[in-house]
Structures are given as structure tokens and as C-alpha cells.
PDB file of all heavy atoms in Angstrom:
ATOM      1  N   TYR A   1     -14.568  -3.204 -45.338  1.00  0.00           N
ATOM      2  CA  TYR A   1     -15.347  -3.657 -46.493  1.00  0.00           C
ATOM      3  C   TYR A   1     -16.755  -4.057 -46.073  1.00  0.00           C
ATOM      4  O   TYR A   1     -17.724  -3.773 -46.780  1.00  0.00           O
ATOM      5  CB  TYR A   1     -14.658  -4.834 -47.187  1.00  0.00           C
ATOM      6  CG  TYR A   1     -13.337  -4.482 -47.836  1.00  0.00           C
ATOM      7  CD1 TYR A   1     -12.210  -5.269 -47.636  1.00  0.00           C
ATOM      8  CD2 TYR A   1     -13.202  -3.374 -48.654  1.00  0.00           C
ATOM      9  CE1 TYR A   1     -11.004  -4.973 -48.240  1.00  0.00           C
ATOM     10  CE2 TYR A   1     -11.997  -3.061 -49.250  1.00  0.00           C
ATOM     11  CZ  TYR A   1     -10.910  -3.860 -49.048  1.00  0.00           C
ATOM     12  OH  TYR A   1      -9.710  -3.556 -49.633  1.00  0.00           O
ATOM     13  N   LEU A   2     -16.886  -4.723 -44.927  1.00  0.00           N
ATOM     14  CA  LEU A   2     -18.220  -5.092 -44.445  1.00  0.00           C
ATOM     15  C   LEU A   2     -19.057  -3.851 -44.179  1.00  0.00           C
ATOM     16  O   LEU A   2     -20.245  -3.811 -44.521  1.00  0.00           O
ATOM     17  CB  LEU A   2     -18.115  -5.940 -43.177  1.00  0.00           C
ATOM     18  CG  LEU A   2     -17.524  -7.342 -43.352  1.00  0.00           C
ATOM     19  CD1 LEU A   2     -17.328  -7.999 -41.982  1.00  0.00           C
ATOM     20  CD2 LEU A   2     -18.383  -8.204 -44.255  1.00  0.00           C
ATOM     21  N   ASP A   3     -18.456  -2.839 -43.590  1.00  0.00           N
ATOM     22  CA  ASP A   3     -19.177  -1.583 -43.337  1.00  0.00           C
ATOM     23  C   ASP A   3     -19.592  -0.913 -44.640  1.00  0.00           C
ATOM     24  O   ASP A   3     -20.671  -0.328 -44.728  1.00  0.00           O
ATOM     25  CB  ASP A   3     -18.321  -0.619 -42.515  1.00  0.00           C
ATOM     26  CG  ASP A   3     -18.104  -1.077 -41.083  1.00  0.00           C
ATOM     27  OD1 ASP A   3     -18.841  -1.976 -40.616  1.00  0.00           O
ATOM     28  OD2 ASP A   3     -17.177  -0.542 -40.432  1.00  0.00           O
ATOM     29  N   ARG A   4     -18.728  -1.001 -45.650  1.00  0.00           N
ATOM     30  CA  ARG A   4     -19.030  -0.399 -46.957  1.00  0.00           C
ATOM     31  C   ARG A   4     -20.140  -1.159 -47.662  1.00  0.00           C
ATOM     32  O   ARG A   4     -20.919  -0.580 -48.406  1.00  0.00           O
ATOM     33  CB  ARG A   4     -17.759  -0.368 -47.799  1.00  0.00           C
ATOM     34  CG  ARG A   4     -17.934   0.304 -49.152  1.00  0.00           C
ATOM     35  CD  ARG A   4     -16.630   0.518 -49.856  1.00  0.00           C
ATOM     36  NE  ARG A   4     -16.137  -0.740 -50.424  1.00  0.00           N
ATOM     37  CZ  ARG A   4     -15.003  -0.836 -51.090  1.00  0.00           C
ATOM     38  NH1 ARG A   4     -14.221   0.223 -51.249  1.00  0.00           N
ATOM     39  NH2 ARG A   4     -14.606  -1.991 -51.577  1.00  0.00           N
ATOM     40  N   GLY A   5     -20.191  -2.465 -47.470  1.00  0.00           N
ATOM     41  CA  GLY A   5     -21.269  -3.259 -48.040  1.00  0.00           C
ATOM     42  C   GLY A   5     -20.963  -3.919 -49.364  1.00  0.00           C
ATOM     43  O   GLY A   5     -21.825  -4.590 -49.933  1.00  0.00           O
ATOM     44  N   TRP A   6     -19.775  -3.767 -49.885  1.00  0.00           N
ATOM     45  CA  TRP A   6     -19.366  -4.436 -51.122  1.00  0.00           C
ATOM     46  C   TRP A   6     -17.847  -4.443 -51.191  1.00  0.00           C
ATOM     47  O   TRP A   6     -17.189  -3.744 -50.438  1.00  0.00           O
ATOM     48  CB  TRP A   6     -19.952  -3.757 -52.366  1.00  0.00           C
ATOM     49  CG  TRP A   6     -19.486  -2.343 -52.606  1.00  0.00           C
ATOM     50  CD1 TRP A   6     -20.052  -1.210 -52.080  1.00  0.00           C
ATOM     51  CD2 TRP A   6     -18.379  -1.907 -53.397  1.00  0.00           C
ATOM     52  NE1 TRP A   6     -19.353  -0.103 -52.498  1.00  0.00           N
ATOM     53  CE2 TRP A   6     -18.314  -0.502 -53.323  1.00  0.00           C
ATOM     54  CE3 TRP A   6     -17.429  -2.568 -54.158  1.00  0.00           C
ATOM     55  CZ2 TRP A   6     -17.351   0.239 -53.977  1.00  0.00           C
ATOM     56  CZ3 TRP A   6     -16.458  -1.818 -54.825  1.00  0.00           C
ATOM     57  CH2 TRP A   6     -16.447  -0.431 -54.734  1.00  0.00           C
ATOM     58  N   ILE A   7     -17.322  -5.275 -52.084  1.00  0.00           N
ATOM     59  CA  ILE A   7     -15.883  -5.352 -52.294  1.00  0.00           C
ATOM     60  C   ILE A   7     -15.628  -5.556 -53.783  1.00  0.00           C
ATOM     61  O   ILE A   7     -16.387  -6.265 -54.451  1.00  0.00           O
ATOM     62  CB  ILE A   7     -15.246  -6.477 -51.447  1.00  0.00           C
ATOM     63  CG1 ILE A   7     -13.729  -6.411 -51.523  1.00  0.00           C
ATOM     64  CG2 ILE A   7     -15.783  -7.835 -51.840  1.00  0.00           C
ATOM     65  CD1 ILE A   7     -13.018  -7.260 -50.492  1.00  0.00           C
ATOM     66  N   SER A   8     -14.599  -4.913 -54.295  1.00  0.00           N
ATOM     67  CA  SER A   8     -14.256  -5.125 -55.704  1.00  0.00           C
ATOM     68  C   SER A   8     -13.551  -6.468 -55.837  1.00  0.00           C
ATOM     69  O   SER A   8     -12.994  -7.010 -54.865  1.00  0.00           O
ATOM     70  CB  SER A   8     -13.368  -3.998 -56.239  1.00  0.00           C
ATOM     71  OG  SER A   8     -12.051  -4.125 -55.748  1.00  0.00           O
ATOM     72  N   ILE A   9     -13.567  -6.989 -57.023  1.00  0.00           N
ATOM     73  CA  ILE A   9     -12.927  -8.276 -57.277  1.00  0.00           C
ATOM     74  C   ILE A   9     -11.434  -8.190 -56.989  1.00  0.00           C
ATOM     75  O   ILE A   9     -10.865  -9.076 -56.341  1.00  0.00           O
ATOM     76  CB  ILE A   9     -13.207  -8.723 -58.727  1.00  0.00           C
ATOM     77  CG1 ILE A   9     -14.699  -9.006 -58.883  1.00  0.00           C
ATOM     78  CG2 ILE A   9     -12.366  -9.947 -59.090  1.00  0.00           C
ATOM     79  CD1 ILE A   9     -15.163  -9.138 -60.315  1.00  0.00           C
ATOM     80  N   SER A  10     -10.778  -7.119 -57.414  1.00  0.00           N
ATOM     81  CA  SER A  10      -9.339  -7.000 -57.183  1.00  0.00           C
ATOM     82  C   SER A  10      -9.020  -6.811 -55.694  1.00  0.00           C
ATOM     83  O   SER A  10      -8.006  -7.309 -55.207  1.00  0.00           O
ATOM     84  CB  SER A  10      -8.716  -5.883 -58.015  1.00  0.00           C
ATOM     85  OG  SER A  10      -9.226  -4.635 -57.649  1.00  0.00           O
ATOM     86  N   GLU A  11      -9.884  -6.115 -54.949  1.00  0.00           N
ATOM     87  CA  GLU A  11      -9.676  -5.972 -53.510  1.00  0.00           C
ATOM     88  C   GLU A  11      -9.753  -7.330 -52.825  1.00  0.00           C
ATOM     89  O   GLU A  11      -8.946  -7.651 -51.952  1.00  0.00           O
ATOM     90  CB  GLU A  11     -10.712  -5.027 -52.902  1.00  0.00           C
ATOM     91  CG  GLU A  11     -10.492  -3.587 -53.254  1.00  0.00           C
ATOM     92  CD  GLU A  11     -11.664  -2.689 -52.881  1.00  0.00           C
ATOM     93  OE1 GLU A  11     -12.819  -3.184 -52.774  1.00  0.00           O
ATOM     94  OE2 GLU A  11     -11.428  -1.482 -52.732  1.00  0.00           O
ATOM     95  N   LEU A  12     -10.743  -8.142 -53.219  1.00  0.00           N
ATOM     96  CA  LEU A  12     -10.898  -9.470 -52.645  1.00  0.00           C
ATOM     97  C   LEU A  12      -9.701 -10.353 -52.977  1.00  0.00           C
ATOM     98  O   LEU A  12      -9.169 -11.044 -52.107  1.00  0.00           O
ATOM     99  CB  LEU A  12     -12.194 -10.118 -53.120  1.00  0.00           C
ATOM    100  CG  LEU A  12     -12.488 -11.511 -52.563  1.00  0.00           C
ATOM    101  CD1 LEU A  12     -12.559 -11.494 -51.045  1.00  0.00           C
ATOM    102  CD2 LEU A  12     -13.772 -12.052 -53.163  1.00  0.00           C
ATOM    103  N   GLU A  13      -9.261 -10.313 -54.227  1.00  0.00           N
ATOM    104  CA  GLU A  13      -8.107 -11.117 -54.626  1.00  0.00           C
ATOM    105  C   GLU A  13      -6.854 -10.703 -53.856  1.00  0.00           C
ATOM    106  O   GLU A  13      -6.096 -11.551 -53.393  1.00  0.00           O
ATOM    107  CB  GLU A  13      -7.871 -11.001 -56.126  1.00  0.00           C
ATOM    108  CG  GLU A  13      -8.929 -11.719 -56.949  1.00  0.00           C
ATOM    109  CD  GLU A  13      -8.822 -11.441 -58.437  1.00  0.00           C
ATOM    110  OE1 GLU A  13      -8.032 -10.555 -58.850  1.00  0.00           O
ATOM    111  OE2 GLU A  13      -9.535 -12.115 -59.195  1.00  0.00           O
ATOM    112  N   ASP A  14      -6.619  -9.400 -53.725  1.00  0.00           N
ATOM    113  CA  ASP A  14      -5.457  -8.910 -52.983  1.00  0.00           C
ATOM    114  C   ASP A  14      -5.518  -9.310 -51.514  1.00  0.00           C
ATOM    115  O   ASP A  14      -4.533  -9.764 -50.940  1.00  0.00           O
ATOM    116  CB  ASP A  14      -5.339  -7.381 -53.080  1.00  0.00           C
ATOM    117  CG  ASP A  14      -4.824  -6.904 -54.422  1.00  0.00           C
ATOM    118  OD1 ASP A  14      -4.396  -7.747 -55.248  1.00  0.00           O
ATOM    119  OD2 ASP A  14      -4.849  -5.687 -54.650  1.00  0.00           O
ATOM    120  N   LEU A  15      -6.681  -9.125 -50.905  1.00  0.00           N
ATOM    121  CA  LEU A  15      -6.823  -9.467 -49.495  1.00  0.00           C
ATOM    122  C   LEU A  15      -6.585 -10.959 -49.280  1.00  0.00           C
ATOM    123  O   LEU A  15      -5.883 -11.354 -48.350  1.00  0.00           O
ATOM    124  CB  LEU A  15      -8.206  -9.064 -48.983  1.00  0.00           C
ATOM    125  CG  LEU A  15      -8.361  -9.227 -47.482  1.00  0.00           C
ATOM    126  CD1 LEU A  15      -8.928  -7.967 -46.864  1.00  0.00           C
ATOM    127  CD2 LEU A  15      -9.215 -10.420 -47.159  1.00  0.00           C
ATOM    128  N   ASP A  16      -7.133 -11.776 -50.165  1.00  0.00           N
ATOM    129  CA  ASP A  16      -6.953 -13.222 -50.042  1.00  0.00           C
ATOM    130  C   ASP A  16      -5.483 -13.609 -50.216  1.00  0.00           C
ATOM    131  O   ASP A  16      -4.934 -14.340 -49.392  1.00  0.00           O
ATOM    132  CB  ASP A  16      -7.811 -13.947 -51.077  1.00  0.00           C
ATOM    133  CG  ASP A  16      -7.701 -15.445 -50.945  1.00  0.00           C
ATOM    134  OD1 ASP A  16      -8.151 -15.980 -49.914  1.00  0.00           O
ATOM    135  OD2 ASP A  16      -7.149 -16.084 -51.858  1.00  0.00           O
ATOM    136  N   THR A  17      -4.835 -13.108 -51.248  1.00  0.00           N
ATOM    137  CA  THR A  17      -3.461 -13.486 -51.576  1.00  0.00           C
ATOM    138  C   THR A  17      -2.445 -12.967 -50.573  1.00  0.00           C
ATOM    139  O   THR A  17      -1.548 -13.709 -50.145  1.00  0.00           O
ATOM    140  CB  THR A  17      -3.089 -12.978 -52.979  1.00  0.00           C
ATOM    141  OG1 THR A  17      -3.988 -13.552 -53.926  1.00  0.00           O
ATOM    142  CG2 THR A  17      -1.663 -13.330 -53.347  1.00  0.00           C
ATOM    143  N   TYR A  18      -2.572 -11.705 -50.197  1.00  0.00           N
ATOM    144  CA  TYR A  18      -1.515 -11.056 -49.417  1.00  0.00           C
ATOM    145  C   TYR A  18      -1.786 -10.971 -47.909  1.00  0.00           C
ATOM    146  O   TYR A  18      -0.865 -10.698 -47.145  1.00  0.00           O
ATOM    147  CB  TYR A  18      -1.240  -9.654 -49.957  1.00  0.00           C
ATOM    148  CG  TYR A  18      -0.796  -9.699 -51.397  1.00  0.00           C
ATOM    149  CD1 TYR A  18      -1.597  -9.189 -52.407  1.00  0.00           C
ATOM    150  CD2 TYR A  18       0.404 -10.294 -51.743  1.00  0.00           C
ATOM    151  CE1 TYR A  18      -1.195  -9.246 -53.733  1.00  0.00           C
ATOM    152  CE2 TYR A  18       0.815 -10.361 -53.057  1.00  0.00           C
ATOM    153  CZ  TYR A  18       0.012  -9.842 -54.060  1.00  0.00           C
ATOM    154  OH  TYR A  18       0.405  -9.909 -55.364  1.00  0.00           O
ATOM    155  N   LEU A  19      -3.018 -11.207 -47.485  1.00  0.00           N
ATOM    156  CA  LEU A  19      -3.320 -11.141 -46.054  1.00  0.00           C
ATOM    157  C   LEU A  19      -3.925 -12.440 -45.515  1.00  0.00           C
ATOM    158  O   LEU A  19      -3.394 -13.037 -44.588  1.00  0.00           O
ATOM    159  CB  LEU A  19      -4.247  -9.967 -45.737  1.00  0.00           C
ATOM    160  CG  LEU A  19      -3.639  -8.579 -45.856  1.00  0.00           C
ATOM    161  CD1 LEU A  19      -4.702  -7.511 -45.643  1.00  0.00           C
ATOM    162  CD2 LEU A  19      -2.519  -8.409 -44.852  1.00  0.00           C
ATOM    163  N   TYR A  20      -5.063 -12.856 -46.086  1.00  0.00           N
ATOM    164  CA  TYR A  20      -5.773 -13.990 -45.502  1.00  0.00           C
ATOM    165  C   TYR A  20      -4.980 -15.301 -45.605  1.00  0.00           C
ATOM    166  O   TYR A  20      -4.829 -16.011 -44.605  1.00  0.00           O
ATOM    167  CB  TYR A  20      -7.157 -14.151 -46.136  1.00  0.00           C
ATOM    168  CG  TYR A  20      -7.922 -15.296 -45.541  1.00  0.00           C
ATOM    169  CD1 TYR A  20      -8.369 -15.246 -44.223  1.00  0.00           C
ATOM    170  CD2 TYR A  20      -8.195 -16.436 -46.281  1.00  0.00           C
ATOM    171  CE1 TYR A  20      -9.064 -16.299 -43.658  1.00  0.00           C
ATOM    172  CE2 TYR A  20      -8.888 -17.494 -45.733  1.00  0.00           C
ATOM    173  CZ  TYR A  20      -9.321 -17.435 -44.421  1.00  0.00           C
ATOM    174  OH  TYR A  20      -9.999 -18.476 -43.868  1.00  0.00           O
ATOM    175  N   GLN A  21      -4.506 -15.650 -46.785  1.00  0.00           N
ATOM    176  CA  GLN A  21      -3.781 -16.916 -46.941  1.00  0.00           C
ATOM    177  C   GLN A  21      -2.496 -16.956 -46.109  1.00  0.00           C
ATOM    178  O   GLN A  21      -2.238 -17.952 -45.424  1.00  0.00           O
ATOM    179  CB  GLN A  21      -3.505 -17.207 -48.421  1.00  0.00           C
ATOM    180  CG  GLN A  21      -4.752 -17.493 -49.233  1.00  0.00           C
ATOM    181  CD  GLN A  21      -5.589 -18.633 -48.669  1.00  0.00           C
ATOM    182  OE1 GLN A  21      -5.072 -19.626 -48.157  1.00  0.00           O
ATOM    183  NE2 GLN A  21      -6.904 -18.497 -48.771  1.00  0.00           N
ATOM    184  N   PRO A  22      -1.663 -15.886 -46.119  1.00  0.00           N
ATOM    185  CA  PRO A  22      -0.487 -15.915 -45.246  1.00  0.00           C
ATOM    186  C   PRO A  22      -0.861 -16.002 -43.760  1.00  0.00           C
ATOM    187  O   PRO A  22      -0.201 -16.701 -42.983  1.00  0.00           O
ATOM    188  CB  PRO A  22       0.229 -14.601 -45.560  1.00  0.00           C
ATOM    189  CG  PRO A  22      -0.197 -14.250 -46.937  1.00  0.00           C
ATOM    190  CD  PRO A  22      -1.612 -14.735 -47.030  1.00  0.00           C
ATOM    191  N   TYR A  23      -1.924 -15.306 -43.375  1.00  0.00           N
ATOM    192  CA  TYR A  23      -2.398 -15.362 -41.992  1.00  0.00           C
ATOM    193  C   TYR A  23      -2.771 -16.805 -41.615  1.00  0.00           C
ATOM    194  O   TYR A  23      -2.415 -17.296 -40.545  1.00  0.00           O
ATOM    195  CB  TYR A  23      -3.593 -14.422 -41.844  1.00  0.00           C
ATOM    196  CG  TYR A  23      -4.286 -14.466 -40.510  1.00  0.00           C
ATOM    197  CD1 TYR A  23      -3.699 -13.879 -39.380  1.00  0.00           C
ATOM    198  CD2 TYR A  23      -5.518 -15.078 -40.373  1.00  0.00           C
ATOM    199  CE1 TYR A  23      -4.344 -13.924 -38.152  1.00  0.00           C
ATOM    200  CE2 TYR A  23      -6.166 -15.112 -39.150  1.00  0.00           C
ATOM    201  CZ  TYR A  23      -5.578 -14.533 -38.048  1.00  0.00           C
ATOM    202  OH  TYR A  23      -6.207 -14.577 -36.836  1.00  0.00           O
ATOM    203  N   LYS A  24      -3.494 -17.485 -42.499  1.00  0.00           N
ATOM    204  CA  LYS A  24      -3.871 -18.878 -42.245  1.00  0.00           C
ATOM    205  C   LYS A  24      -2.646 -19.769 -42.142  1.00  0.00           C
ATOM    206  O   LYS A  24      -2.564 -20.623 -41.261  1.00  0.00           O
ATOM    207  CB  LYS A  24      -4.789 -19.401 -43.364  1.00  0.00           C
ATOM    208  CG  LYS A  24      -6.175 -18.833 -43.348  1.00  0.00           C
ATOM    209  CD  LYS A  24      -6.944 -19.254 -42.143  1.00  0.00           C
ATOM    210  CE  LYS A  24      -7.176 -20.763 -42.180  1.00  0.00           C
ATOM    211  NZ  LYS A  24      -7.824 -21.279 -40.984  1.00  0.00           N
ATOM    212  N   ARG A  25      -1.675 -19.590 -43.047  1.00  0.00           N
ATOM    213  CA  ARG A  25      -0.470 -20.423 -43.016  1.00  0.00           C
ATOM    214  C   ARG A  25       0.329 -20.223 -41.735  1.00  0.00           C
ATOM    215  O   ARG A  25       1.018 -21.127 -41.283  1.00  0.00           O
ATOM    216  CB  ARG A  25       0.399 -20.133 -44.237  1.00  0.00           C
ATOM    217  CG  ARG A  25      -0.138 -20.759 -45.515  1.00  0.00           C
ATOM    218  CD  ARG A  25       0.865 -20.724 -46.641  1.00  0.00           C
ATOM    219  NE  ARG A  25       1.275 -19.393 -47.024  1.00  0.00           N
ATOM    220  CZ  ARG A  25       0.660 -18.638 -47.925  1.00  0.00           C
ATOM    221  NH1 ARG A  25      -0.416 -19.082 -48.544  1.00  0.00           N
ATOM    222  NH2 ARG A  25       1.121 -17.438 -48.229  1.00  0.00           N
ATOM    223  N   MET A  26       0.232 -19.043 -41.136  1.00  0.00           N
ATOM    224  CA  MET A  26       0.955 -18.774 -39.891  1.00  0.00           C
ATOM    225  C   MET A  26       0.198 -19.288 -38.667  1.00  0.00           C
ATOM    226  O   MET A  26       0.669 -19.151 -37.543  1.00  0.00           O
ATOM    227  CB  MET A  26       1.213 -17.272 -39.735  1.00  0.00           C
ATOM    228  CG  MET A  26       2.238 -16.736 -40.700  1.00  0.00           C
ATOM    229  SD  MET A  26       2.575 -15.001 -40.410  1.00  0.00           S
ATOM    230  CE  MET A  26       3.555 -15.099 -38.914  1.00  0.00           C
ATOM    231  N   GLY A  27      -0.981 -19.849 -38.871  1.00  0.00           N
ATOM    232  CA  GLY A  27      -1.746 -20.400 -37.758  1.00  0.00           C
ATOM    233  C   GLY A  27      -2.828 -19.479 -37.240  1.00  0.00           C
ATOM    234  O   GLY A  27      -3.241 -19.596 -36.086  1.00  0.00           O
ATOM    235  N   GLY A  28      -3.285 -18.558 -38.090  1.00  0.00           N
ATOM    236  CA  GLY A  28      -4.341 -17.628 -37.692  1.00  0.00           C
ATOM    237  C   GLY A  28      -5.568 -18.329 -37.146  1.00  0.00           C
ATOM    238  O   GLY A  28      -5.833 -19.489 -37.449  1.00  0.00           O
ATOM    239  N   ASN A  29      -6.324 -17.612 -36.339  1.00  0.00           N
ATOM    240  CA  ASN A  29      -7.433 -18.233 -35.611  1.00  0.00           C
ATOM    241  C   ASN A  29      -8.770 -18.123 -36.330  1.00  0.00           C
ATOM    242  O   ASN A  29      -8.869 -17.619 -37.437  1.00  0.00           O
ATOM    243  CB  ASN A  29      -7.541 -17.642 -34.202  1.00  0.00           C
ATOM    244  CG  ASN A  29      -7.925 -16.183 -34.216  1.00  0.00           C
ATOM    245  OD1 ASN A  29      -8.396 -15.646 -35.207  1.00  0.00           O
ATOM    246  ND2 ASN A  29      -7.723 -15.523 -33.098  1.00  0.00           N
ATOM    247  N   SER A  30      -9.792 -18.595 -35.651  1.00  0.00           N
ATOM    248  CA  SER A  30     -11.125 -18.652 -36.247  1.00  0.00           C
ATOM    249  C   SER A  30     -11.773 -17.272 -36.409  1.00  0.00           C
ATOM    250  O   SER A  30     -12.711 -17.137 -37.186  1.00  0.00           O
ATOM    251  CB  SER A  30     -12.033 -19.557 -35.422  1.00  0.00           C
ATOM    252  OG  SER A  30     -12.165 -19.048 -34.104  1.00  0.00           O
ATOM    253  N   THR A  31     -11.288 -16.267 -35.705  1.00  0.00           N
ATOM    254  CA  THR A  31     -11.842 -14.923 -35.892  1.00  0.00           C
ATOM    255  C   THR A  31     -11.616 -14.465 -37.334  1.00  0.00           C
ATOM    256  O   THR A  31     -12.528 -13.960 -37.984  1.00  0.00           O
ATOM    257  CB  THR A  31     -11.187 -13.906 -34.931  1.00  0.00           C
ATOM    258  OG1 THR A  31     -11.367 -14.362 -33.602  1.00  0.00           O
ATOM    259  CG2 THR A  31     -11.792 -12.533 -35.096  1.00  0.00           C
ATOM    260  N   GLY A  32     -10.413 -14.656 -37.832  1.00  0.00           N
ATOM    261  CA  GLY A  32     -10.122 -14.307 -39.222  1.00  0.00           C
ATOM    262  C   GLY A  32     -10.961 -15.116 -40.193  1.00  0.00           C
ATOM    263  O   GLY A  32     -11.472 -14.592 -41.180  1.00  0.00           O
ATOM    264  N   ASP A  33     -11.131 -16.405 -39.908  1.00  0.00           N
ATOM    265  CA  ASP A  33     -11.961 -17.259 -40.759  1.00  0.00           C
ATOM    266  C   ASP A  33     -13.405 -16.785 -40.789  1.00  0.00           C
ATOM    267  O   ASP A  33     -14.033 -16.721 -41.848  1.00  0.00           O
ATOM    268  CB  ASP A  33     -11.942 -18.702 -40.261  1.00  0.00           C
ATOM    269  CG  ASP A  33     -10.593 -19.367 -40.405  1.00  0.00           C
ATOM    270  OD1 ASP A  33      -9.801 -18.963 -41.280  1.00  0.00           O
ATOM    271  OD2 ASP A  33     -10.336 -20.305 -39.634  1.00  0.00           O
ATOM    272  N   ARG A  34     -13.925 -16.454 -39.627  1.00  0.00           N
ATOM    273  CA  ARG A  34     -15.325 -16.017 -39.530  1.00  0.00           C
ATOM    274  C   ARG A  34     -15.557 -14.724 -40.292  1.00  0.00           C
ATOM    275  O   ARG A  34     -16.518 -14.592 -41.060  1.00  0.00           O
ATOM    276  CB  ARG A  34     -15.715 -15.848 -38.057  1.00  0.00           C
ATOM    277  CG  ARG A  34     -17.178 -15.653 -37.833  1.00  0.00           C
ATOM    278  CD  ARG A  34     -17.591 -15.722 -36.367  1.00  0.00           C
ATOM    279  NE  ARG A  34     -16.542 -15.655 -35.370  1.00  0.00           N
ATOM    280  CZ  ARG A  34     -16.082 -14.514 -34.824  1.00  0.00           C
ATOM    281  NH1 ARG A  34     -16.573 -13.368 -35.201  1.00  0.00           N
ATOM    282  NH2 ARG A  34     -15.136 -14.537 -33.908  1.00  0.00           N
ATOM    283  N   LEU A  35     -14.653 -13.759 -40.112  1.00  0.00           N
ATOM    284  CA  LEU A  35     -14.787 -12.494 -40.826  1.00  0.00           C
ATOM    285  C   LEU A  35     -14.624 -12.676 -42.330  1.00  0.00           C
ATOM    286  O   LEU A  35     -15.359 -12.084 -43.115  1.00  0.00           O
ATOM    287  CB  LEU A  35     -13.771 -11.476 -40.301  1.00  0.00           C
ATOM    288  CG  LEU A  35     -14.077 -10.868 -38.948  1.00  0.00           C
ATOM    289  CD1 LEU A  35     -12.892 -10.046 -38.458  1.00  0.00           C
ATOM    290  CD2 LEU A  35     -15.323 -10.000 -39.022  1.00  0.00           C
ATOM    291  N   TYR A  36     -13.669 -13.508 -42.731  1.00  0.00           N
ATOM    292  CA  TYR A  36     -13.449 -13.755 -44.155  1.00  0.00           C
ATOM    293  C   TYR A  36     -14.683 -14.409 -44.780  1.00  0.00           C
ATOM    294  O   TYR A  36     -15.069 -14.073 -45.898  1.00  0.00           O
ATOM    295  CB  TYR A  36     -12.213 -14.622 -44.360  1.00  0.00           C
ATOM    296  CG  TYR A  36     -11.827 -14.745 -45.805  1.00  0.00           C
ATOM    297  CD1 TYR A  36     -11.127 -13.727 -46.453  1.00  0.00           C
ATOM    298  CD2 TYR A  36     -12.168 -15.872 -46.544  1.00  0.00           C
ATOM    299  CE1 TYR A  36     -10.774 -13.834 -47.775  1.00  0.00           C
ATOM    300  CE2 TYR A  36     -11.819 -15.982 -47.873  1.00  0.00           C
ATOM    301  CZ  TYR A  36     -11.126 -14.962 -48.491  1.00  0.00           C
ATOM    302  OH  TYR A  36     -10.785 -15.069 -49.817  1.00  0.00           O
ATOM    303  N   ALA A  37     -15.307 -15.331 -44.056  1.00  0.00           N
ATOM    304  CA  ALA A  37     -16.523 -15.985 -44.555  1.00  0.00           C
ATOM    305  C   ALA A  37     -17.635 -14.960 -44.786  1.00  0.00           C
ATOM    306  O   ALA A  37     -18.396 -15.065 -45.756  1.00  0.00           O
ATOM    307  CB  ALA A  37     -16.987 -17.068 -43.587  1.00  0.00           C
ATOM    308  N   GLU A  38     -17.729 -13.957 -43.923  1.00  0.00           N
ATOM    309  CA  GLU A  38     -18.716 -12.885 -44.113  1.00  0.00           C
ATOM    310  C   GLU A  38     -18.336 -12.010 -45.296  1.00  0.00           C
ATOM    311  O   GLU A  38     -19.188 -11.567 -46.064  1.00  0.00           O
ATOM    312  CB  GLU A  38     -18.848 -12.045 -42.849  1.00  0.00           C
ATOM    313  CG  GLU A  38     -19.493 -12.762 -41.693  1.00  0.00           C
ATOM    314  CD  GLU A  38     -20.892 -13.263 -42.035  1.00  0.00           C
ATOM    315  OE1 GLU A  38     -21.689 -12.474 -42.591  1.00  0.00           O
ATOM    316  OE2 GLU A  38     -21.177 -14.445 -41.762  1.00  0.00           O
TER     317      GLU A  38
END
């Protein structure tokens, strides 16, 4: 998505719900946080 330069609202919602939040709950590291912030 960063390479593409944009993200759709539904892509962002899906990524947050099904990947980022579960990753964080499992103890994911700051690399994921940094990329998500971008």
C-alpha cells in the first residue's frame, strides 16, 4: 500500500481488524507499529 501511495477505506479497515490489531494483541513489535503509522 505504501508503494501504491494510497489505500481504500475498506482495505484500511480490513487490515486494522484482521491483521494489525490481532498482531498487537499477540505482542507484535515496533516495526509493525511504525509501518502502520506510515
